[in-house]
Amino acid sequence: MRKKVLVTTDWVLEHLEDSNVRIVEVSEDVLLYHEWHVPGAVQVVWERDAQRQDVRDVVDRKGFEALMSRLGISNDTTVVLYGDKSNWWACYFFWLMKYYGHKDVRIMDGGRKKWEMEGKPKSKEVPTYPPTTYIASPPDEDIRAYAYDILNRLLLSQDFALVDVRSPDEYTGKLIHMPDYPQEGAQRGGHIPGAVNLPWGLNVNEDWTFRSEEELKRLYEGKGITPDREVITYCRIGERSALTWFVLKYLLGYPEVRNYDGSWTEWGNMVRVPIKRGEEP
């Protein structure tokens, strides 16, 4: 499965002129695209294109279809995603594309960092492609978790695995945002009771490529996150947890993995939901 969803920077270089491949940059820092990007790559601005602004939700089906059409992506296009921050937002958009049923989506292993480290060609030219008629599938709710899903499982004492991918200080409640970011976004700090803290960075090497299957398997199974359990990942707003969701679902092949994109900015602000501070026993 790994070979079907991860491509190397060399593979991307070889397919720059392939009309059936669309390369898409999805970075946290949206200005990076205009400094340079992979030649021929289009840009998705995550806050504008992937999310609705009238309600807190992902872009709806109609909006997703319009976005794909504007980017020149057909239902049978091979889409290769990459970005900054070890591909956080690229993985989030991968999750969103799977939510709406796109068949062939891949991540460029190593993202912007590896492409630049290897001295591969860069471009500032913003390409345009003919619009398509894109038809999205109904949302796949099996890969998305909501607060009530977690609450119900906690209330009924169901067996499931929660993976908190944030930093240790966010997990214990010392911080309510990532280190070196403004401390805002939630009324209370801590974690969802029963969650195991496995920071997202454990999934990647220094060059932003993903660790081997053997290393990842040891990492998760060593903490009781096994493929026979339903797994829900979360972070602060759903992008770091999308990376861990991608690892579990597509690199390790776990059958039941959901990304809770509401994450801590929802859970940490809700009335009458349980919060645990400090380490789990």
C-alpha atoms as a PDB file:
ATOM      1  CA  MET A   1       0.000   0.000   0.000  1.00  0.00           C
ATOM      2  CA  ARG A   2       2.892   2.365   0.772  1.00  0.00           C
ATOM      3  CA  LYS A   3       3.995   2.354  -2.874  1.00  0.00           C
ATOM      4  CA  LYS A   4       0.491   3.343  -3.990  1.00  0.00           C
ATOM      5  CA  VAL A   5       0.273   6.480  -1.842  1.00  0.00           C
ATOM      6  CA  LEU A   6       3.873   7.702  -1.501  1.00  0.00           C
ATOM      7  CA  VAL A   7       5.978   8.929  -4.390  1.00  0.00           C
ATOM      8  CA  THR A   8       9.580  10.059  -4.339  1.00  0.00           C
ATOM      9  CA  THR A   9      10.812  13.444  -5.478  1.00  0.00           C
ATOM     10  CA  ASP A  10      12.511  11.635  -8.368  1.00  0.00           C
ATOM     11  CA  TRP A  11       9.154  10.169  -9.432  1.00  0.00           C
ATOM     12  CA  VAL A  12       7.608  13.642  -9.423  1.00  0.00           C
ATOM     13  CA  LEU A  13      10.516  15.029 -11.462  1.00  0.00           C
ATOM     14  CA  GLU A  14       9.987  12.300 -14.050  1.00  0.00           C
ATOM     15  CA  HIS A  15       6.253  13.095 -14.297  1.00  0.00           C
ATOM     16  CA  LEU A  16       6.329  16.897 -14.507  1.00  0.00           C
ATOM     17  CA  GLU A  17       5.055  16.756 -18.087  1.00  0.00           C
ATOM     18  CA  ASP A  18       2.547  13.946 -17.524  1.00  0.00           C
ATOM     19  CA  SER A  19      -0.893  15.306 -18.457  1.00  0.00           C
ATOM     20  CA  ASN A  20      -2.636  12.796 -16.202  1.00  0.00           C
ATOM     21  CA  VAL A  21      -0.704  13.917 -13.116  1.00  0.00           C
ATOM     22  CA  ARG A  22      -1.603  17.083 -11.223  1.00  0.00           C
ATOM     23  CA  ILE A  23       0.862  18.294  -8.610  1.00  0.00           C
ATOM     24  CA  VAL A  24      -0.685  20.329  -5.794  1.00  0.00           C
ATOM     25  CA  GLU A  25       1.047  22.322  -3.062  1.00  0.00           C
ATOM     26  CA  VAL A  26      -0.806  22.607   0.245  1.00  0.00           C
ATOM     27  CA  SER A  27       1.369  24.441   2.760  1.00  0.00           C
ATOM     28  CA  GLU A  28       0.600  25.990   6.135  1.00  0.00           C
ATOM     29  CA  ASP A  29       2.459  29.114   4.995  1.00  0.00           C
ATOM     30  CA  VAL A  30       0.530  29.895   1.831  1.00  0.00           C
ATOM     31  CA  LEU A  31       3.082  32.524   0.727  1.00  0.00           C
ATOM     32  CA  LEU A  32       5.750  29.882   0.163  1.00  0.00           C
ATOM     33  CA  TYR A  33       4.096  28.845  -3.093  1.00  0.00           C
ATOM     34  CA  HIS A  34       4.824  32.262  -4.574  1.00  0.00           C
ATOM     35  CA  GLU A  35       8.482  32.140  -3.519  1.00  0.00           C
ATOM     36  CA  TRP A  36       8.886  28.893  -5.443  1.00  0.00           C
ATOM     37  CA  HIS A  37       7.020  25.700  -6.128  1.00  0.00           C
ATOM     38  CA  VAL A  38       7.431  22.472  -8.056  1.00  0.00           C
ATOM     39  CA  PRO A  39       7.118  23.363 -11.762  1.00  0.00           C
ATOM     40  CA  GLY A  40       3.534  22.959 -12.930  1.00  0.00           C
ATOM     41  CA  ALA A  41       2.131  22.706  -9.400  1.00  0.00           C
ATOM     42  CA  VAL A  42      -1.129  24.414  -8.511  1.00  0.00           C
ATOM     43  CA  GLN A  43      -1.918  25.727  -5.038  1.00  0.00           C
ATOM     44  CA  VAL A  44      -4.595  24.895  -2.517  1.00  0.00           C
ATOM     45  CA  VAL A  45      -4.966  27.525   0.206  1.00  0.00           C
ATOM     46  CA  TRP A  46      -6.108  25.323   3.057  1.00  0.00           C
ATOM     47  CA  GLU A  47      -8.181  27.850   5.004  1.00  0.00           C
ATOM     48  CA  ARG A  48      -9.939  29.201   1.925  1.00  0.00           C
ATOM     49  CA  ASP A  49     -10.195  26.156  -0.330  1.00  0.00           C
ATOM     50  CA  ALA A  50     -10.442  23.204   2.047  1.00  0.00           C
ATOM     51  CA  GLN A  51     -12.722  24.702   4.680  1.00  0.00           C
ATOM     52  CA  ARG A  52     -15.981  26.601   4.794  1.00  0.00           C
ATOM     53  CA  GLN A  53     -16.016  30.069   6.293  1.00  0.00           C
ATOM     54  CA  ASP A  54     -19.748  30.328   7.055  1.00  0.00           C
ATOM     55  CA  VAL A  55     -19.651  27.357   9.448  1.00  0.00           C
ATOM     56  CA  ARG A  56     -16.821  25.404  10.992  1.00  0.00           C
ATOM     57  CA  ASP A  57     -16.620  22.521   8.575  1.00  0.00           C
ATOM     58  CA  VAL A  58     -14.704  21.181   5.634  1.00  0.00           C
ATOM     59  CA  VAL A  59     -15.666  22.437   2.186  1.00  0.00           C
ATOM     60  CA  ASP A  60     -18.954  20.868   1.117  1.00  0.00           C
ATOM     61  CA  ARG A  61     -19.340  18.452  -1.775  1.00  0.00           C
ATOM     62  CA  LYS A  62     -20.345  21.125  -4.273  1.00  0.00           C
ATOM     63  CA  GLY A  63     -17.461  23.355  -3.217  1.00  0.00           C
ATOM     64  CA  PHE A  64     -15.024  20.466  -3.501  1.00  0.00           C
ATOM     65  CA  GLU A  65     -16.235  19.722  -7.022  1.00  0.00           C
ATOM     66  CA  ALA A  66     -15.777  23.375  -7.980  1.00  0.00           C
ATOM     67  CA  LEU A  67     -12.250  23.378  -6.540  1.00  0.00           C
ATOM     68  CA  MET A  68     -11.236  20.251  -8.435  1.00  0.00           C
ATOM     69  CA  SER A  69     -12.665  21.688 -11.645  1.00  0.00           C
ATOM     70  CA  ARG A  70     -10.750  24.957 -11.162  1.00  0.00           C
ATOM     71  CA  LEU A  71      -7.494  23.079 -10.614  1.00  0.00           C
ATOM     72  CA  GLY A  72      -7.988  21.029 -13.777  1.00  0.00           C
ATOM     73  CA  ILE A  73      -8.408  17.759 -11.871  1.00  0.00           C
ATOM     74  CA  SER A  74     -10.639  15.025 -13.293  1.00  0.00           C
ATOM     75  CA  ASN A  75     -11.930  11.988 -11.440  1.00  0.00           C
ATOM     76  CA  ASP A  76      -9.216   9.860 -13.058  1.00  0.00           C
ATOM     77  CA  THR A  77      -6.341  12.306 -12.459  1.00  0.00           C
ATOM     78  CA  THR A  78      -3.400  11.145 -10.366  1.00  0.00           C
ATOM     79  CA  VAL A  79      -3.030  13.877  -7.736  1.00  0.00           C
ATOM     80  CA  VAL A  80       0.320  14.345  -5.970  1.00  0.00           C
ATOM     81  CA  LEU A  81       0.258  16.516  -2.849  1.00  0.00           C
ATOM     82  CA  TYR A  82       3.163  18.143  -1.039  1.00  0.00           C
ATOM     83  CA  GLY A  83       3.827  21.070   1.273  1.00  0.00           C
ATOM     84  CA  ASP A  84       5.756  22.463   4.205  1.00  0.00           C
ATOM     85  CA  LYS A  85       5.798  21.263   7.828  1.00  0.00           C
ATOM     86  CA  SER A  86       6.507  17.621   6.919  1.00  0.00           C
ATOM     87  CA  ASN A  87       3.391  17.582   4.727  1.00  0.00           C
ATOM     88  CA  TRP A  88       0.872  18.353   7.497  1.00  0.00           C
ATOM     89  CA  TRP A  89      -1.609  20.116   5.251  1.00  0.00           C
ATOM     90  CA  ALA A  90      -0.819  17.900   2.286  1.00  0.00           C
ATOM     91  CA  CYS A  91      -1.957  14.951   4.428  1.00  0.00           C
ATOM     92  CA  TYR A  92      -5.012  16.912   5.546  1.00  0.00           C
ATOM     93  CA  PHE A  93      -5.965  17.513   1.918  1.00  0.00           C
ATOM     94  CA  PHE A  94      -5.257  13.834   1.161  1.00  0.00           C
ATOM     95  CA  TRP A  95      -7.777  13.002   3.901  1.00  0.00           C
ATOM     96  CA  LEU A  96     -10.269  15.461   2.399  1.00  0.00           C
ATOM     97  CA  MET A  97      -9.841  14.028  -1.096  1.00  0.00           C
ATOM     98  CA  LYS A  98     -10.488  10.538   0.265  1.00  0.00           C
ATOM     99  CA  TYR A  99     -13.482  11.918   2.173  1.00  0.00           C
ATOM    100  CA  TYR A 100     -14.950  12.826  -1.220  1.00  0.00           C
ATOM    101  CA  GLY A 101     -13.837   9.618  -2.905  1.00  0.00           C
ATOM    102  CA  HIS A 102     -10.916  10.559  -5.153  1.00  0.00           C
ATOM    103  CA  LYS A 103      -9.243   7.305  -6.118  1.00  0.00           C
ATOM    104  CA  ASP A 104      -5.624   8.130  -6.919  1.00  0.00           C
ATOM    105  CA  VAL A 105      -4.079  10.552  -4.415  1.00  0.00           C
ATOM    106  CA  ARG A 106      -0.441  10.435  -3.376  1.00  0.00           C
ATOM    107  CA  ILE A 107       1.971  12.290  -1.106  1.00  0.00           C
ATOM    108  CA  MET A 108       5.406  13.428  -2.293  1.00  0.00           C
ATOM    109  CA  ASP A 109       7.606  11.981   0.441  1.00  0.00           C
ATOM    110  CA  GLY A 110       9.698  14.712   2.061  1.00  0.00           C
ATOM    111  CA  GLY A 111       7.638  17.620   0.748  1.00  0.00           C
ATOM    112  CA  ARG A 112       9.147  21.017   0.018  1.00  0.00           C
ATOM    113  CA  LYS A 113      12.176  20.384   2.203  1.00  0.00           C
ATOM    114  CA  LYS A 114      13.417  17.325   0.351  1.00  0.00           C
ATOM    115  CA  TRP A 115      12.738  18.870  -3.060  1.00  0.00           C
ATOM    116  CA  GLU A 116      14.852  21.894  -2.107  1.00  0.00           C
ATOM    117  CA  MET A 117      17.596  19.847  -0.421  1.00  0.00           C
ATOM    118  CA  GLU A 118      18.077  17.884  -3.624  1.00  0.00           C
ATOM    119  CA  GLY A 119      18.378  20.998  -5.756  1.00  0.00           C
ATOM    120  CA  LYS A 120      15.487  20.074  -7.986  1.00  0.00           C
ATOM    121  CA  PRO A 121      13.990  22.685 -10.346  1.00  0.00           C
ATOM    122  CA  LYS A 122      11.773  25.421  -8.933  1.00  0.00           C
ATOM    123  CA  SER A 123       9.282  27.750 -10.540  1.00  0.00           C
ATOM    124  CA  LYS A 124       7.403  30.975  -9.762  1.00  0.00           C
ATOM    125  CA  GLU A 125       5.100  30.649 -12.749  1.00  0.00           C
ATOM    126  CA  VAL A 126       1.464  30.040 -11.769  1.00  0.00           C
ATOM    127  CA  PRO A 127       0.073  27.515 -14.254  1.00  0.00           C
ATOM    128  CA  THR A 128      -3.489  27.329 -15.500  1.00  0.00           C
ATOM    129  CA  TYR A 129      -5.271  24.229 -16.729  1.00  0.00           C
ATOM    130  CA  PRO A 130      -8.566  23.775 -18.556  1.00  0.00           C
ATOM    131  CA  PRO A 131     -11.450  23.307 -16.103  1.00  0.00           C
ATOM    132  CA  THR A 132     -12.970  19.859 -15.753  1.00  0.00           C
ATOM    133  CA  THR A 133     -16.337  18.434 -14.849  1.00  0.00           C
ATOM    134  CA  TYR A 134     -15.632  16.753 -11.529  1.00  0.00           C
ATOM    135  CA  ILE A 135     -18.138  14.573  -9.692  1.00  0.00           C
ATOM    136  CA  ALA A 136     -17.377  13.910  -6.027  1.00  0.00           C
ATOM    137  CA  SER A 137     -18.654  10.917  -4.106  1.00  0.00           C
ATOM    138  CA  PRO A 138     -20.845  11.352  -1.015  1.00  0.00           C
ATOM    139  CA  PRO A 139     -18.709  12.016   2.085  1.00  0.00           C
ATOM    140  CA  ASP A 140     -17.042   8.928   3.552  1.00  0.00           C
ATOM    141  CA  GLU A 141     -17.939   9.368   7.214  1.00  0.00           C
ATOM    142  CA  ASP A 142     -15.996   6.222   8.108  1.00  0.00           C
ATOM    143  CA  ILE A 143     -12.758   8.239   8.036  1.00  0.00           C
ATOM    144  CA  ARG A 144     -14.006  11.248  10.010  1.00  0.00           C
ATOM    145  CA  ALA A 145     -14.752  11.453  13.729  1.00  0.00           C
ATOM    146  CA  TYR A 146     -16.944  13.946  15.558  1.00  0.00           C
ATOM    147  CA  ALA A 147     -17.053  14.935  19.205  1.00  0.00           C
ATOM    148  CA  TYR A 148     -20.223  12.895  19.789  1.00  0.00           C
ATOM    149  CA  ASP A 149     -18.498   9.784  18.420  1.00  0.00           C
ATOM    150  CA  ILE A 150     -15.840  10.079  21.095  1.00  0.00           C
ATOM    151  CA  LEU A 151     -18.271  11.042  23.862  1.00  0.00           C
ATOM    152  CA  ASN A 152     -20.503   8.072  23.111  1.00  0.00           C
ATOM    153  CA  ARG A 153     -17.571   5.677  23.177  1.00  0.00           C
ATOM    154  CA  LEU A 154     -16.342   7.111  26.472  1.00  0.00           C
ATOM    155  CA  LEU A 155     -19.798   6.981  28.066  1.00  0.00           C
ATOM    156  CA  LEU A 156     -20.350   3.397  26.933  1.00  0.00           C
ATOM    157  CA  SER A 157     -16.798   2.357  27.875  1.00  0.00           C
ATOM    158  CA  GLN A 158     -16.229   1.000  24.387  1.00  0.00           C
ATOM    159  CA  ASP A 159     -12.799  -0.242  23.393  1.00  0.00           C
ATOM    160  CA  PHE A 160     -11.176   2.164  20.978  1.00  0.00           C
ATOM    161  CA  ALA A 161      -7.821   3.866  20.712  1.00  0.00           C
ATOM    162  CA  LEU A 162      -7.341   7.629  20.908  1.00  0.00           C
ATOM    163  CA  VAL A 163      -4.072   9.060  19.613  1.00  0.00           C
ATOM    164  CA  ASP A 164      -3.193  12.597  20.664  1.00  0.00           C
ATOM    165  CA  VAL A 165      -0.499  13.670  18.199  1.00  0.00           C
ATOM    166  CA  ARG A 166       0.286  17.021  19.833  1.00  0.00           C
ATOM    167  CA  SER A 167       3.425  17.922  21.738  1.00  0.00           C
ATOM    168  CA  PRO A 168       3.822  16.576  25.303  1.00  0.00           C
ATOM    169  CA  ASP A 169       3.190  20.045  26.777  1.00  0.00           C
ATOM    170  CA  GLU A 170      -0.083  20.357  24.863  1.00  0.00           C
ATOM    171  CA  TYR A 171      -1.089  16.866  25.951  1.00  0.00           C
ATOM    172  CA  THR A 172      -0.483  17.521  29.651  1.00  0.00           C
ATOM    173  CA  GLY A 173      -2.189  20.910  29.533  1.00  0.00           C
ATOM    174  CA  LYS A 174       0.845  23.119  30.003  1.00  0.00           C
ATOM    175  CA  LEU A 175       0.205  24.643  26.557  1.00  0.00           C
ATOM    176  CA  ILE A 176      -3.029  25.074  24.587  1.00  0.00           C
ATOM    177  CA  HIS A 177      -1.243  25.559  21.281  1.00  0.00           C
ATOM    178  CA  MET A 178       1.887  24.250  19.595  1.00  0.00           C
ATOM    179  CA  PRO A 179       5.222  25.430  21.021  1.00  0.00           C
ATOM    180  CA  ASP A 180       6.339  28.771  19.548  1.00  0.00           C
ATOM    181  CA  TYR A 181       2.800  29.584  18.384  1.00  0.00           C
ATOM    182  CA  PRO A 182       0.420  32.058  20.061  1.00  0.00           C
ATOM    183  CA  GLN A 183      -1.281  30.411  23.020  1.00  0.00           C
ATOM    184  CA  GLU A 184      -4.889  30.748  21.968  1.00  0.00           C
ATOM    185  CA  GLY A 185      -7.724  28.640  20.641  1.00  0.00           C
ATOM    186  CA  ALA A 186      -9.034  26.732  23.667  1.00  0.00           C
ATOM    187  CA  GLN A 187     -10.419  27.593  27.088  1.00  0.00           C
ATOM    188  CA  ARG A 188      -8.753  24.661  28.805  1.00  0.00           C
ATOM    189  CA  GLY A 189      -5.639  22.588  28.277  1.00  0.00           C
ATOM    190  CA  GLY A 190      -5.166  18.855  28.620  1.00  0.00           C
ATOM    191  CA  HIS A 191      -6.241  15.822  26.627  1.00  0.00           C
ATOM    192  CA  ILE A 192      -9.219  13.551  26.066  1.00  0.00           C
ATOM    193  CA  PRO A 193      -9.263  10.868  28.800  1.00  0.00           C
ATOM    194  CA  GLY A 194      -7.600   7.660  27.696  1.00  0.00           C
ATOM    195  CA  ALA A 195      -5.689   9.249  24.820  1.00  0.00           C
ATOM    196  CA  VAL A 196      -2.147   8.060  24.163  1.00  0.00           C
ATOM    197  CA  ASN A 197       0.367  10.792  23.355  1.00  0.00           C
ATOM    198  CA  LEU A 198       2.346   9.953  20.216  1.00  0.00           C
ATOM    199  CA  PRO A 199       3.565  13.273  18.755  1.00  0.00           C
ATOM    200  CA  TRP A 200       3.253  13.486  14.981  1.00  0.00           C
ATOM    201  CA  GLY A 201       7.007  14.103  14.545  1.00  0.00           C
ATOM    202  CA  LEU A 202       7.767  10.504  15.538  1.00  0.00           C
ATOM    203  CA  ASN A 203       6.444   9.474  12.114  1.00  0.00           C
ATOM    204  CA  VAL A 204       9.102  11.264  10.071  1.00  0.00           C
ATOM    205  CA  ASN A 205      12.840  11.484   9.537  1.00  0.00           C
ATOM    206  CA  GLU A 206      14.923  14.662   9.559  1.00  0.00           C
ATOM    207  CA  ASP A 207      14.410  15.123   5.813  1.00  0.00           C
ATOM    208  CA  TRP A 208      10.614  14.949   6.333  1.00  0.00           C
ATOM    209  CA  THR A 209      10.306  11.520   4.711  1.00  0.00           C
ATOM    210  CA  PHE A 210       8.213   8.939   6.533  1.00  0.00           C
ATOM    211  CA  ARG A 211       9.907   6.322   8.660  1.00  0.00           C
ATOM    212  CA  SER A 212       9.964   2.719   7.538  1.00  0.00           C
ATOM    213  CA  GLU A 213       6.981   0.447   8.004  1.00  0.00           C
ATOM    214  CA  GLU A 214       8.908  -1.590  10.580  1.00  0.00           C
ATOM    215  CA  GLU A 215       9.736   1.498  12.657  1.00  0.00           C
ATOM    216  CA  LEU A 216       6.174   2.794  12.507  1.00  0.00           C
ATOM    217  CA  LYS A 217       4.723  -0.577  13.424  1.00  0.00           C
ATOM    218  CA  ARG A 218       6.954  -0.798  16.505  1.00  0.00           C
ATOM    219  CA  LEU A 219       6.052   2.764  17.475  1.00  0.00           C
ATOM    220  CA  TYR A 220       2.289   2.253  17.479  1.00  0.00           C
ATOM    221  CA  GLU A 221       1.964  -1.349  18.542  1.00  0.00           C
ATOM    222  CA  GLY A 222       4.379  -0.621  21.379  1.00  0.00           C
ATOM    223  CA  LYS A 223       1.806   1.832  22.735  1.00  0.00           C
ATOM    224  CA  GLY A 224      -1.169  -0.466  22.264  1.00  0.00           C
ATOM    225  CA  ILE A 225      -2.358   1.131  19.031  1.00  0.00           C
ATOM    226  CA  THR A 226      -2.977  -2.106  17.167  1.00  0.00           C
ATOM    227  CA  PRO A 227      -4.791  -2.789  13.874  1.00  0.00           C
ATOM    228  CA  ASP A 228      -7.561  -4.788  15.535  1.00  0.00           C
ATOM    229  CA  ARG A 229      -8.864  -1.643  17.280  1.00  0.00           C
ATOM    230  CA  GLU A 230     -10.768   1.358  15.995  1.00  0.00           C
ATOM    231  CA  VAL A 231      -8.396   4.321  16.132  1.00  0.00           C
ATOM    232  CA  ILE A 232      -9.244   8.040  16.317  1.00  0.00           C
ATOM    233  CA  THR A 233      -6.514  10.643  15.878  1.00  0.00           C
ATOM    234  CA  TYR A 234      -6.671  14.282  16.941  1.00  0.00           C
ATOM    235  CA  CYS A 235      -4.494  17.351  17.463  1.00  0.00           C
ATOM    236  CA  ARG A 236      -5.529  21.031  17.679  1.00  0.00           C
ATOM    237  CA  ILE A 237      -7.284  21.674  14.348  1.00  0.00           C
ATOM    238  CA  GLY A 238      -6.887  18.375  12.508  1.00  0.00           C
ATOM    239  CA  GLU A 239      -3.863  18.809  10.260  1.00  0.00           C
ATOM    240  CA  ARG A 240      -1.175  17.128  12.384  1.00  0.00           C
ATOM    241  CA  SER A 241      -3.611  14.340  13.196  1.00  0.00           C
ATOM    242  CA  ALA A 242      -4.296  13.920   9.467  1.00  0.00           C
ATOM    243  CA  LEU A 243      -0.619  13.028   9.057  1.00  0.00           C
ATOM    244  CA  THR A 244      -0.900  10.330  11.738  1.00  0.00           C
ATOM    245  CA  TRP A 245      -4.204   9.173  10.208  1.00  0.00           C
ATOM    246  CA  PHE A 246      -2.391   8.823   6.862  1.00  0.00           C
ATOM    247  CA  VAL A 247       0.381   6.784   8.500  1.00  0.00           C
ATOM    248  CA  LEU A 248      -2.001   4.406  10.250  1.00  0.00           C
ATOM    249  CA  LYS A 249      -4.520   4.061   7.438  1.00  0.00           C
ATOM    250  CA  TYR A 250      -2.276   4.004   4.380  1.00  0.00           C
ATOM    251  CA  LEU A 251       1.283   3.211   5.457  1.00  0.00           C
ATOM    252  CA  LEU A 252       0.365   0.580   8.043  1.00  0.00           C
ATOM    253  CA  GLY A 253      -2.982  -0.496   6.591  1.00  0.00           C
ATOM    254  CA  TYR A 254      -5.114  -0.201   9.739  1.00  0.00           C
ATOM    255  CA  PRO A 255      -8.741  -0.879   8.707  1.00  0.00           C
ATOM    256  CA  GLU A 256     -10.572   1.526  11.041  1.00  0.00           C
ATOM    257  CA  VAL A 257      -8.933   4.921  11.463  1.00  0.00           C
ATOM    258  CA  ARG A 258     -10.735   8.250  11.796  1.00  0.00           C
ATOM    259  CA  ASN A 259      -9.438  11.794  11.962  1.00  0.00           C
ATOM    260  CA  TYR A 260     -11.186  14.030  14.500  1.00  0.00           C
ATOM    261  CA  ASP A 261     -10.712  17.348  12.715  1.00  0.00           C
ATOM    262  CA  GLY A 262     -12.601  19.324  15.357  1.00  0.00           C
ATOM    263  CA  SER A 263      -9.736  18.328  17.660  1.00  0.00           C
ATOM    264  CA  TRP A 264      -8.702  20.356  20.689  1.00  0.00           C
ATOM    265  CA  THR A 265     -10.095  23.726  19.595  1.00  0.00           C
ATOM    266  CA  GLU A 266     -13.507  22.058  19.741  1.00  0.00           C
ATOM    267  CA  TRP A 267     -13.042  19.674  22.666  1.00  0.00           C
ATOM    268  CA  GLY A 268     -11.205  22.184  24.839  1.00  0.00           C
ATOM    269  CA  ASN A 269     -14.015  24.721  24.447  1.00  0.00           C
ATOM    270  CA  MET A 270     -17.086  22.528  24.939  1.00  0.00           C
ATOM    271  CA  VAL A 271     -19.161  22.572  28.106  1.00  0.00           C
ATOM    272  CA  ARG A 272     -19.423  19.384  30.142  1.00  0.00           C
ATOM    273  CA  VAL A 273     -16.930  17.222  28.323  1.00  0.00           C
ATOM    274  CA  PRO A 274     -14.237  15.369  30.283  1.00  0.00           C
ATOM    275  CA  ILE A 275     -10.651  16.594  30.177  1.00  0.00           C
ATOM    276  CA  LYS A 276      -7.594  14.986  31.710  1.00  0.00           C
ATOM    277  CA  ARG A 277      -4.523  17.026  32.686  1.00  0.00           C
ATOM    278  CA  GLY A 278      -1.048  15.619  33.194  1.00  0.00           C
ATOM    279  CA  GLU A 279       0.106  12.173  32.123  1.00  0.00           C
ATOM    280  CA  GLU A 280      -2.110   9.124  31.894  1.00  0.00           C
ATOM    281  CA  PRO A 281      -1.344   6.521  34.626  1.00  0.00           C
END
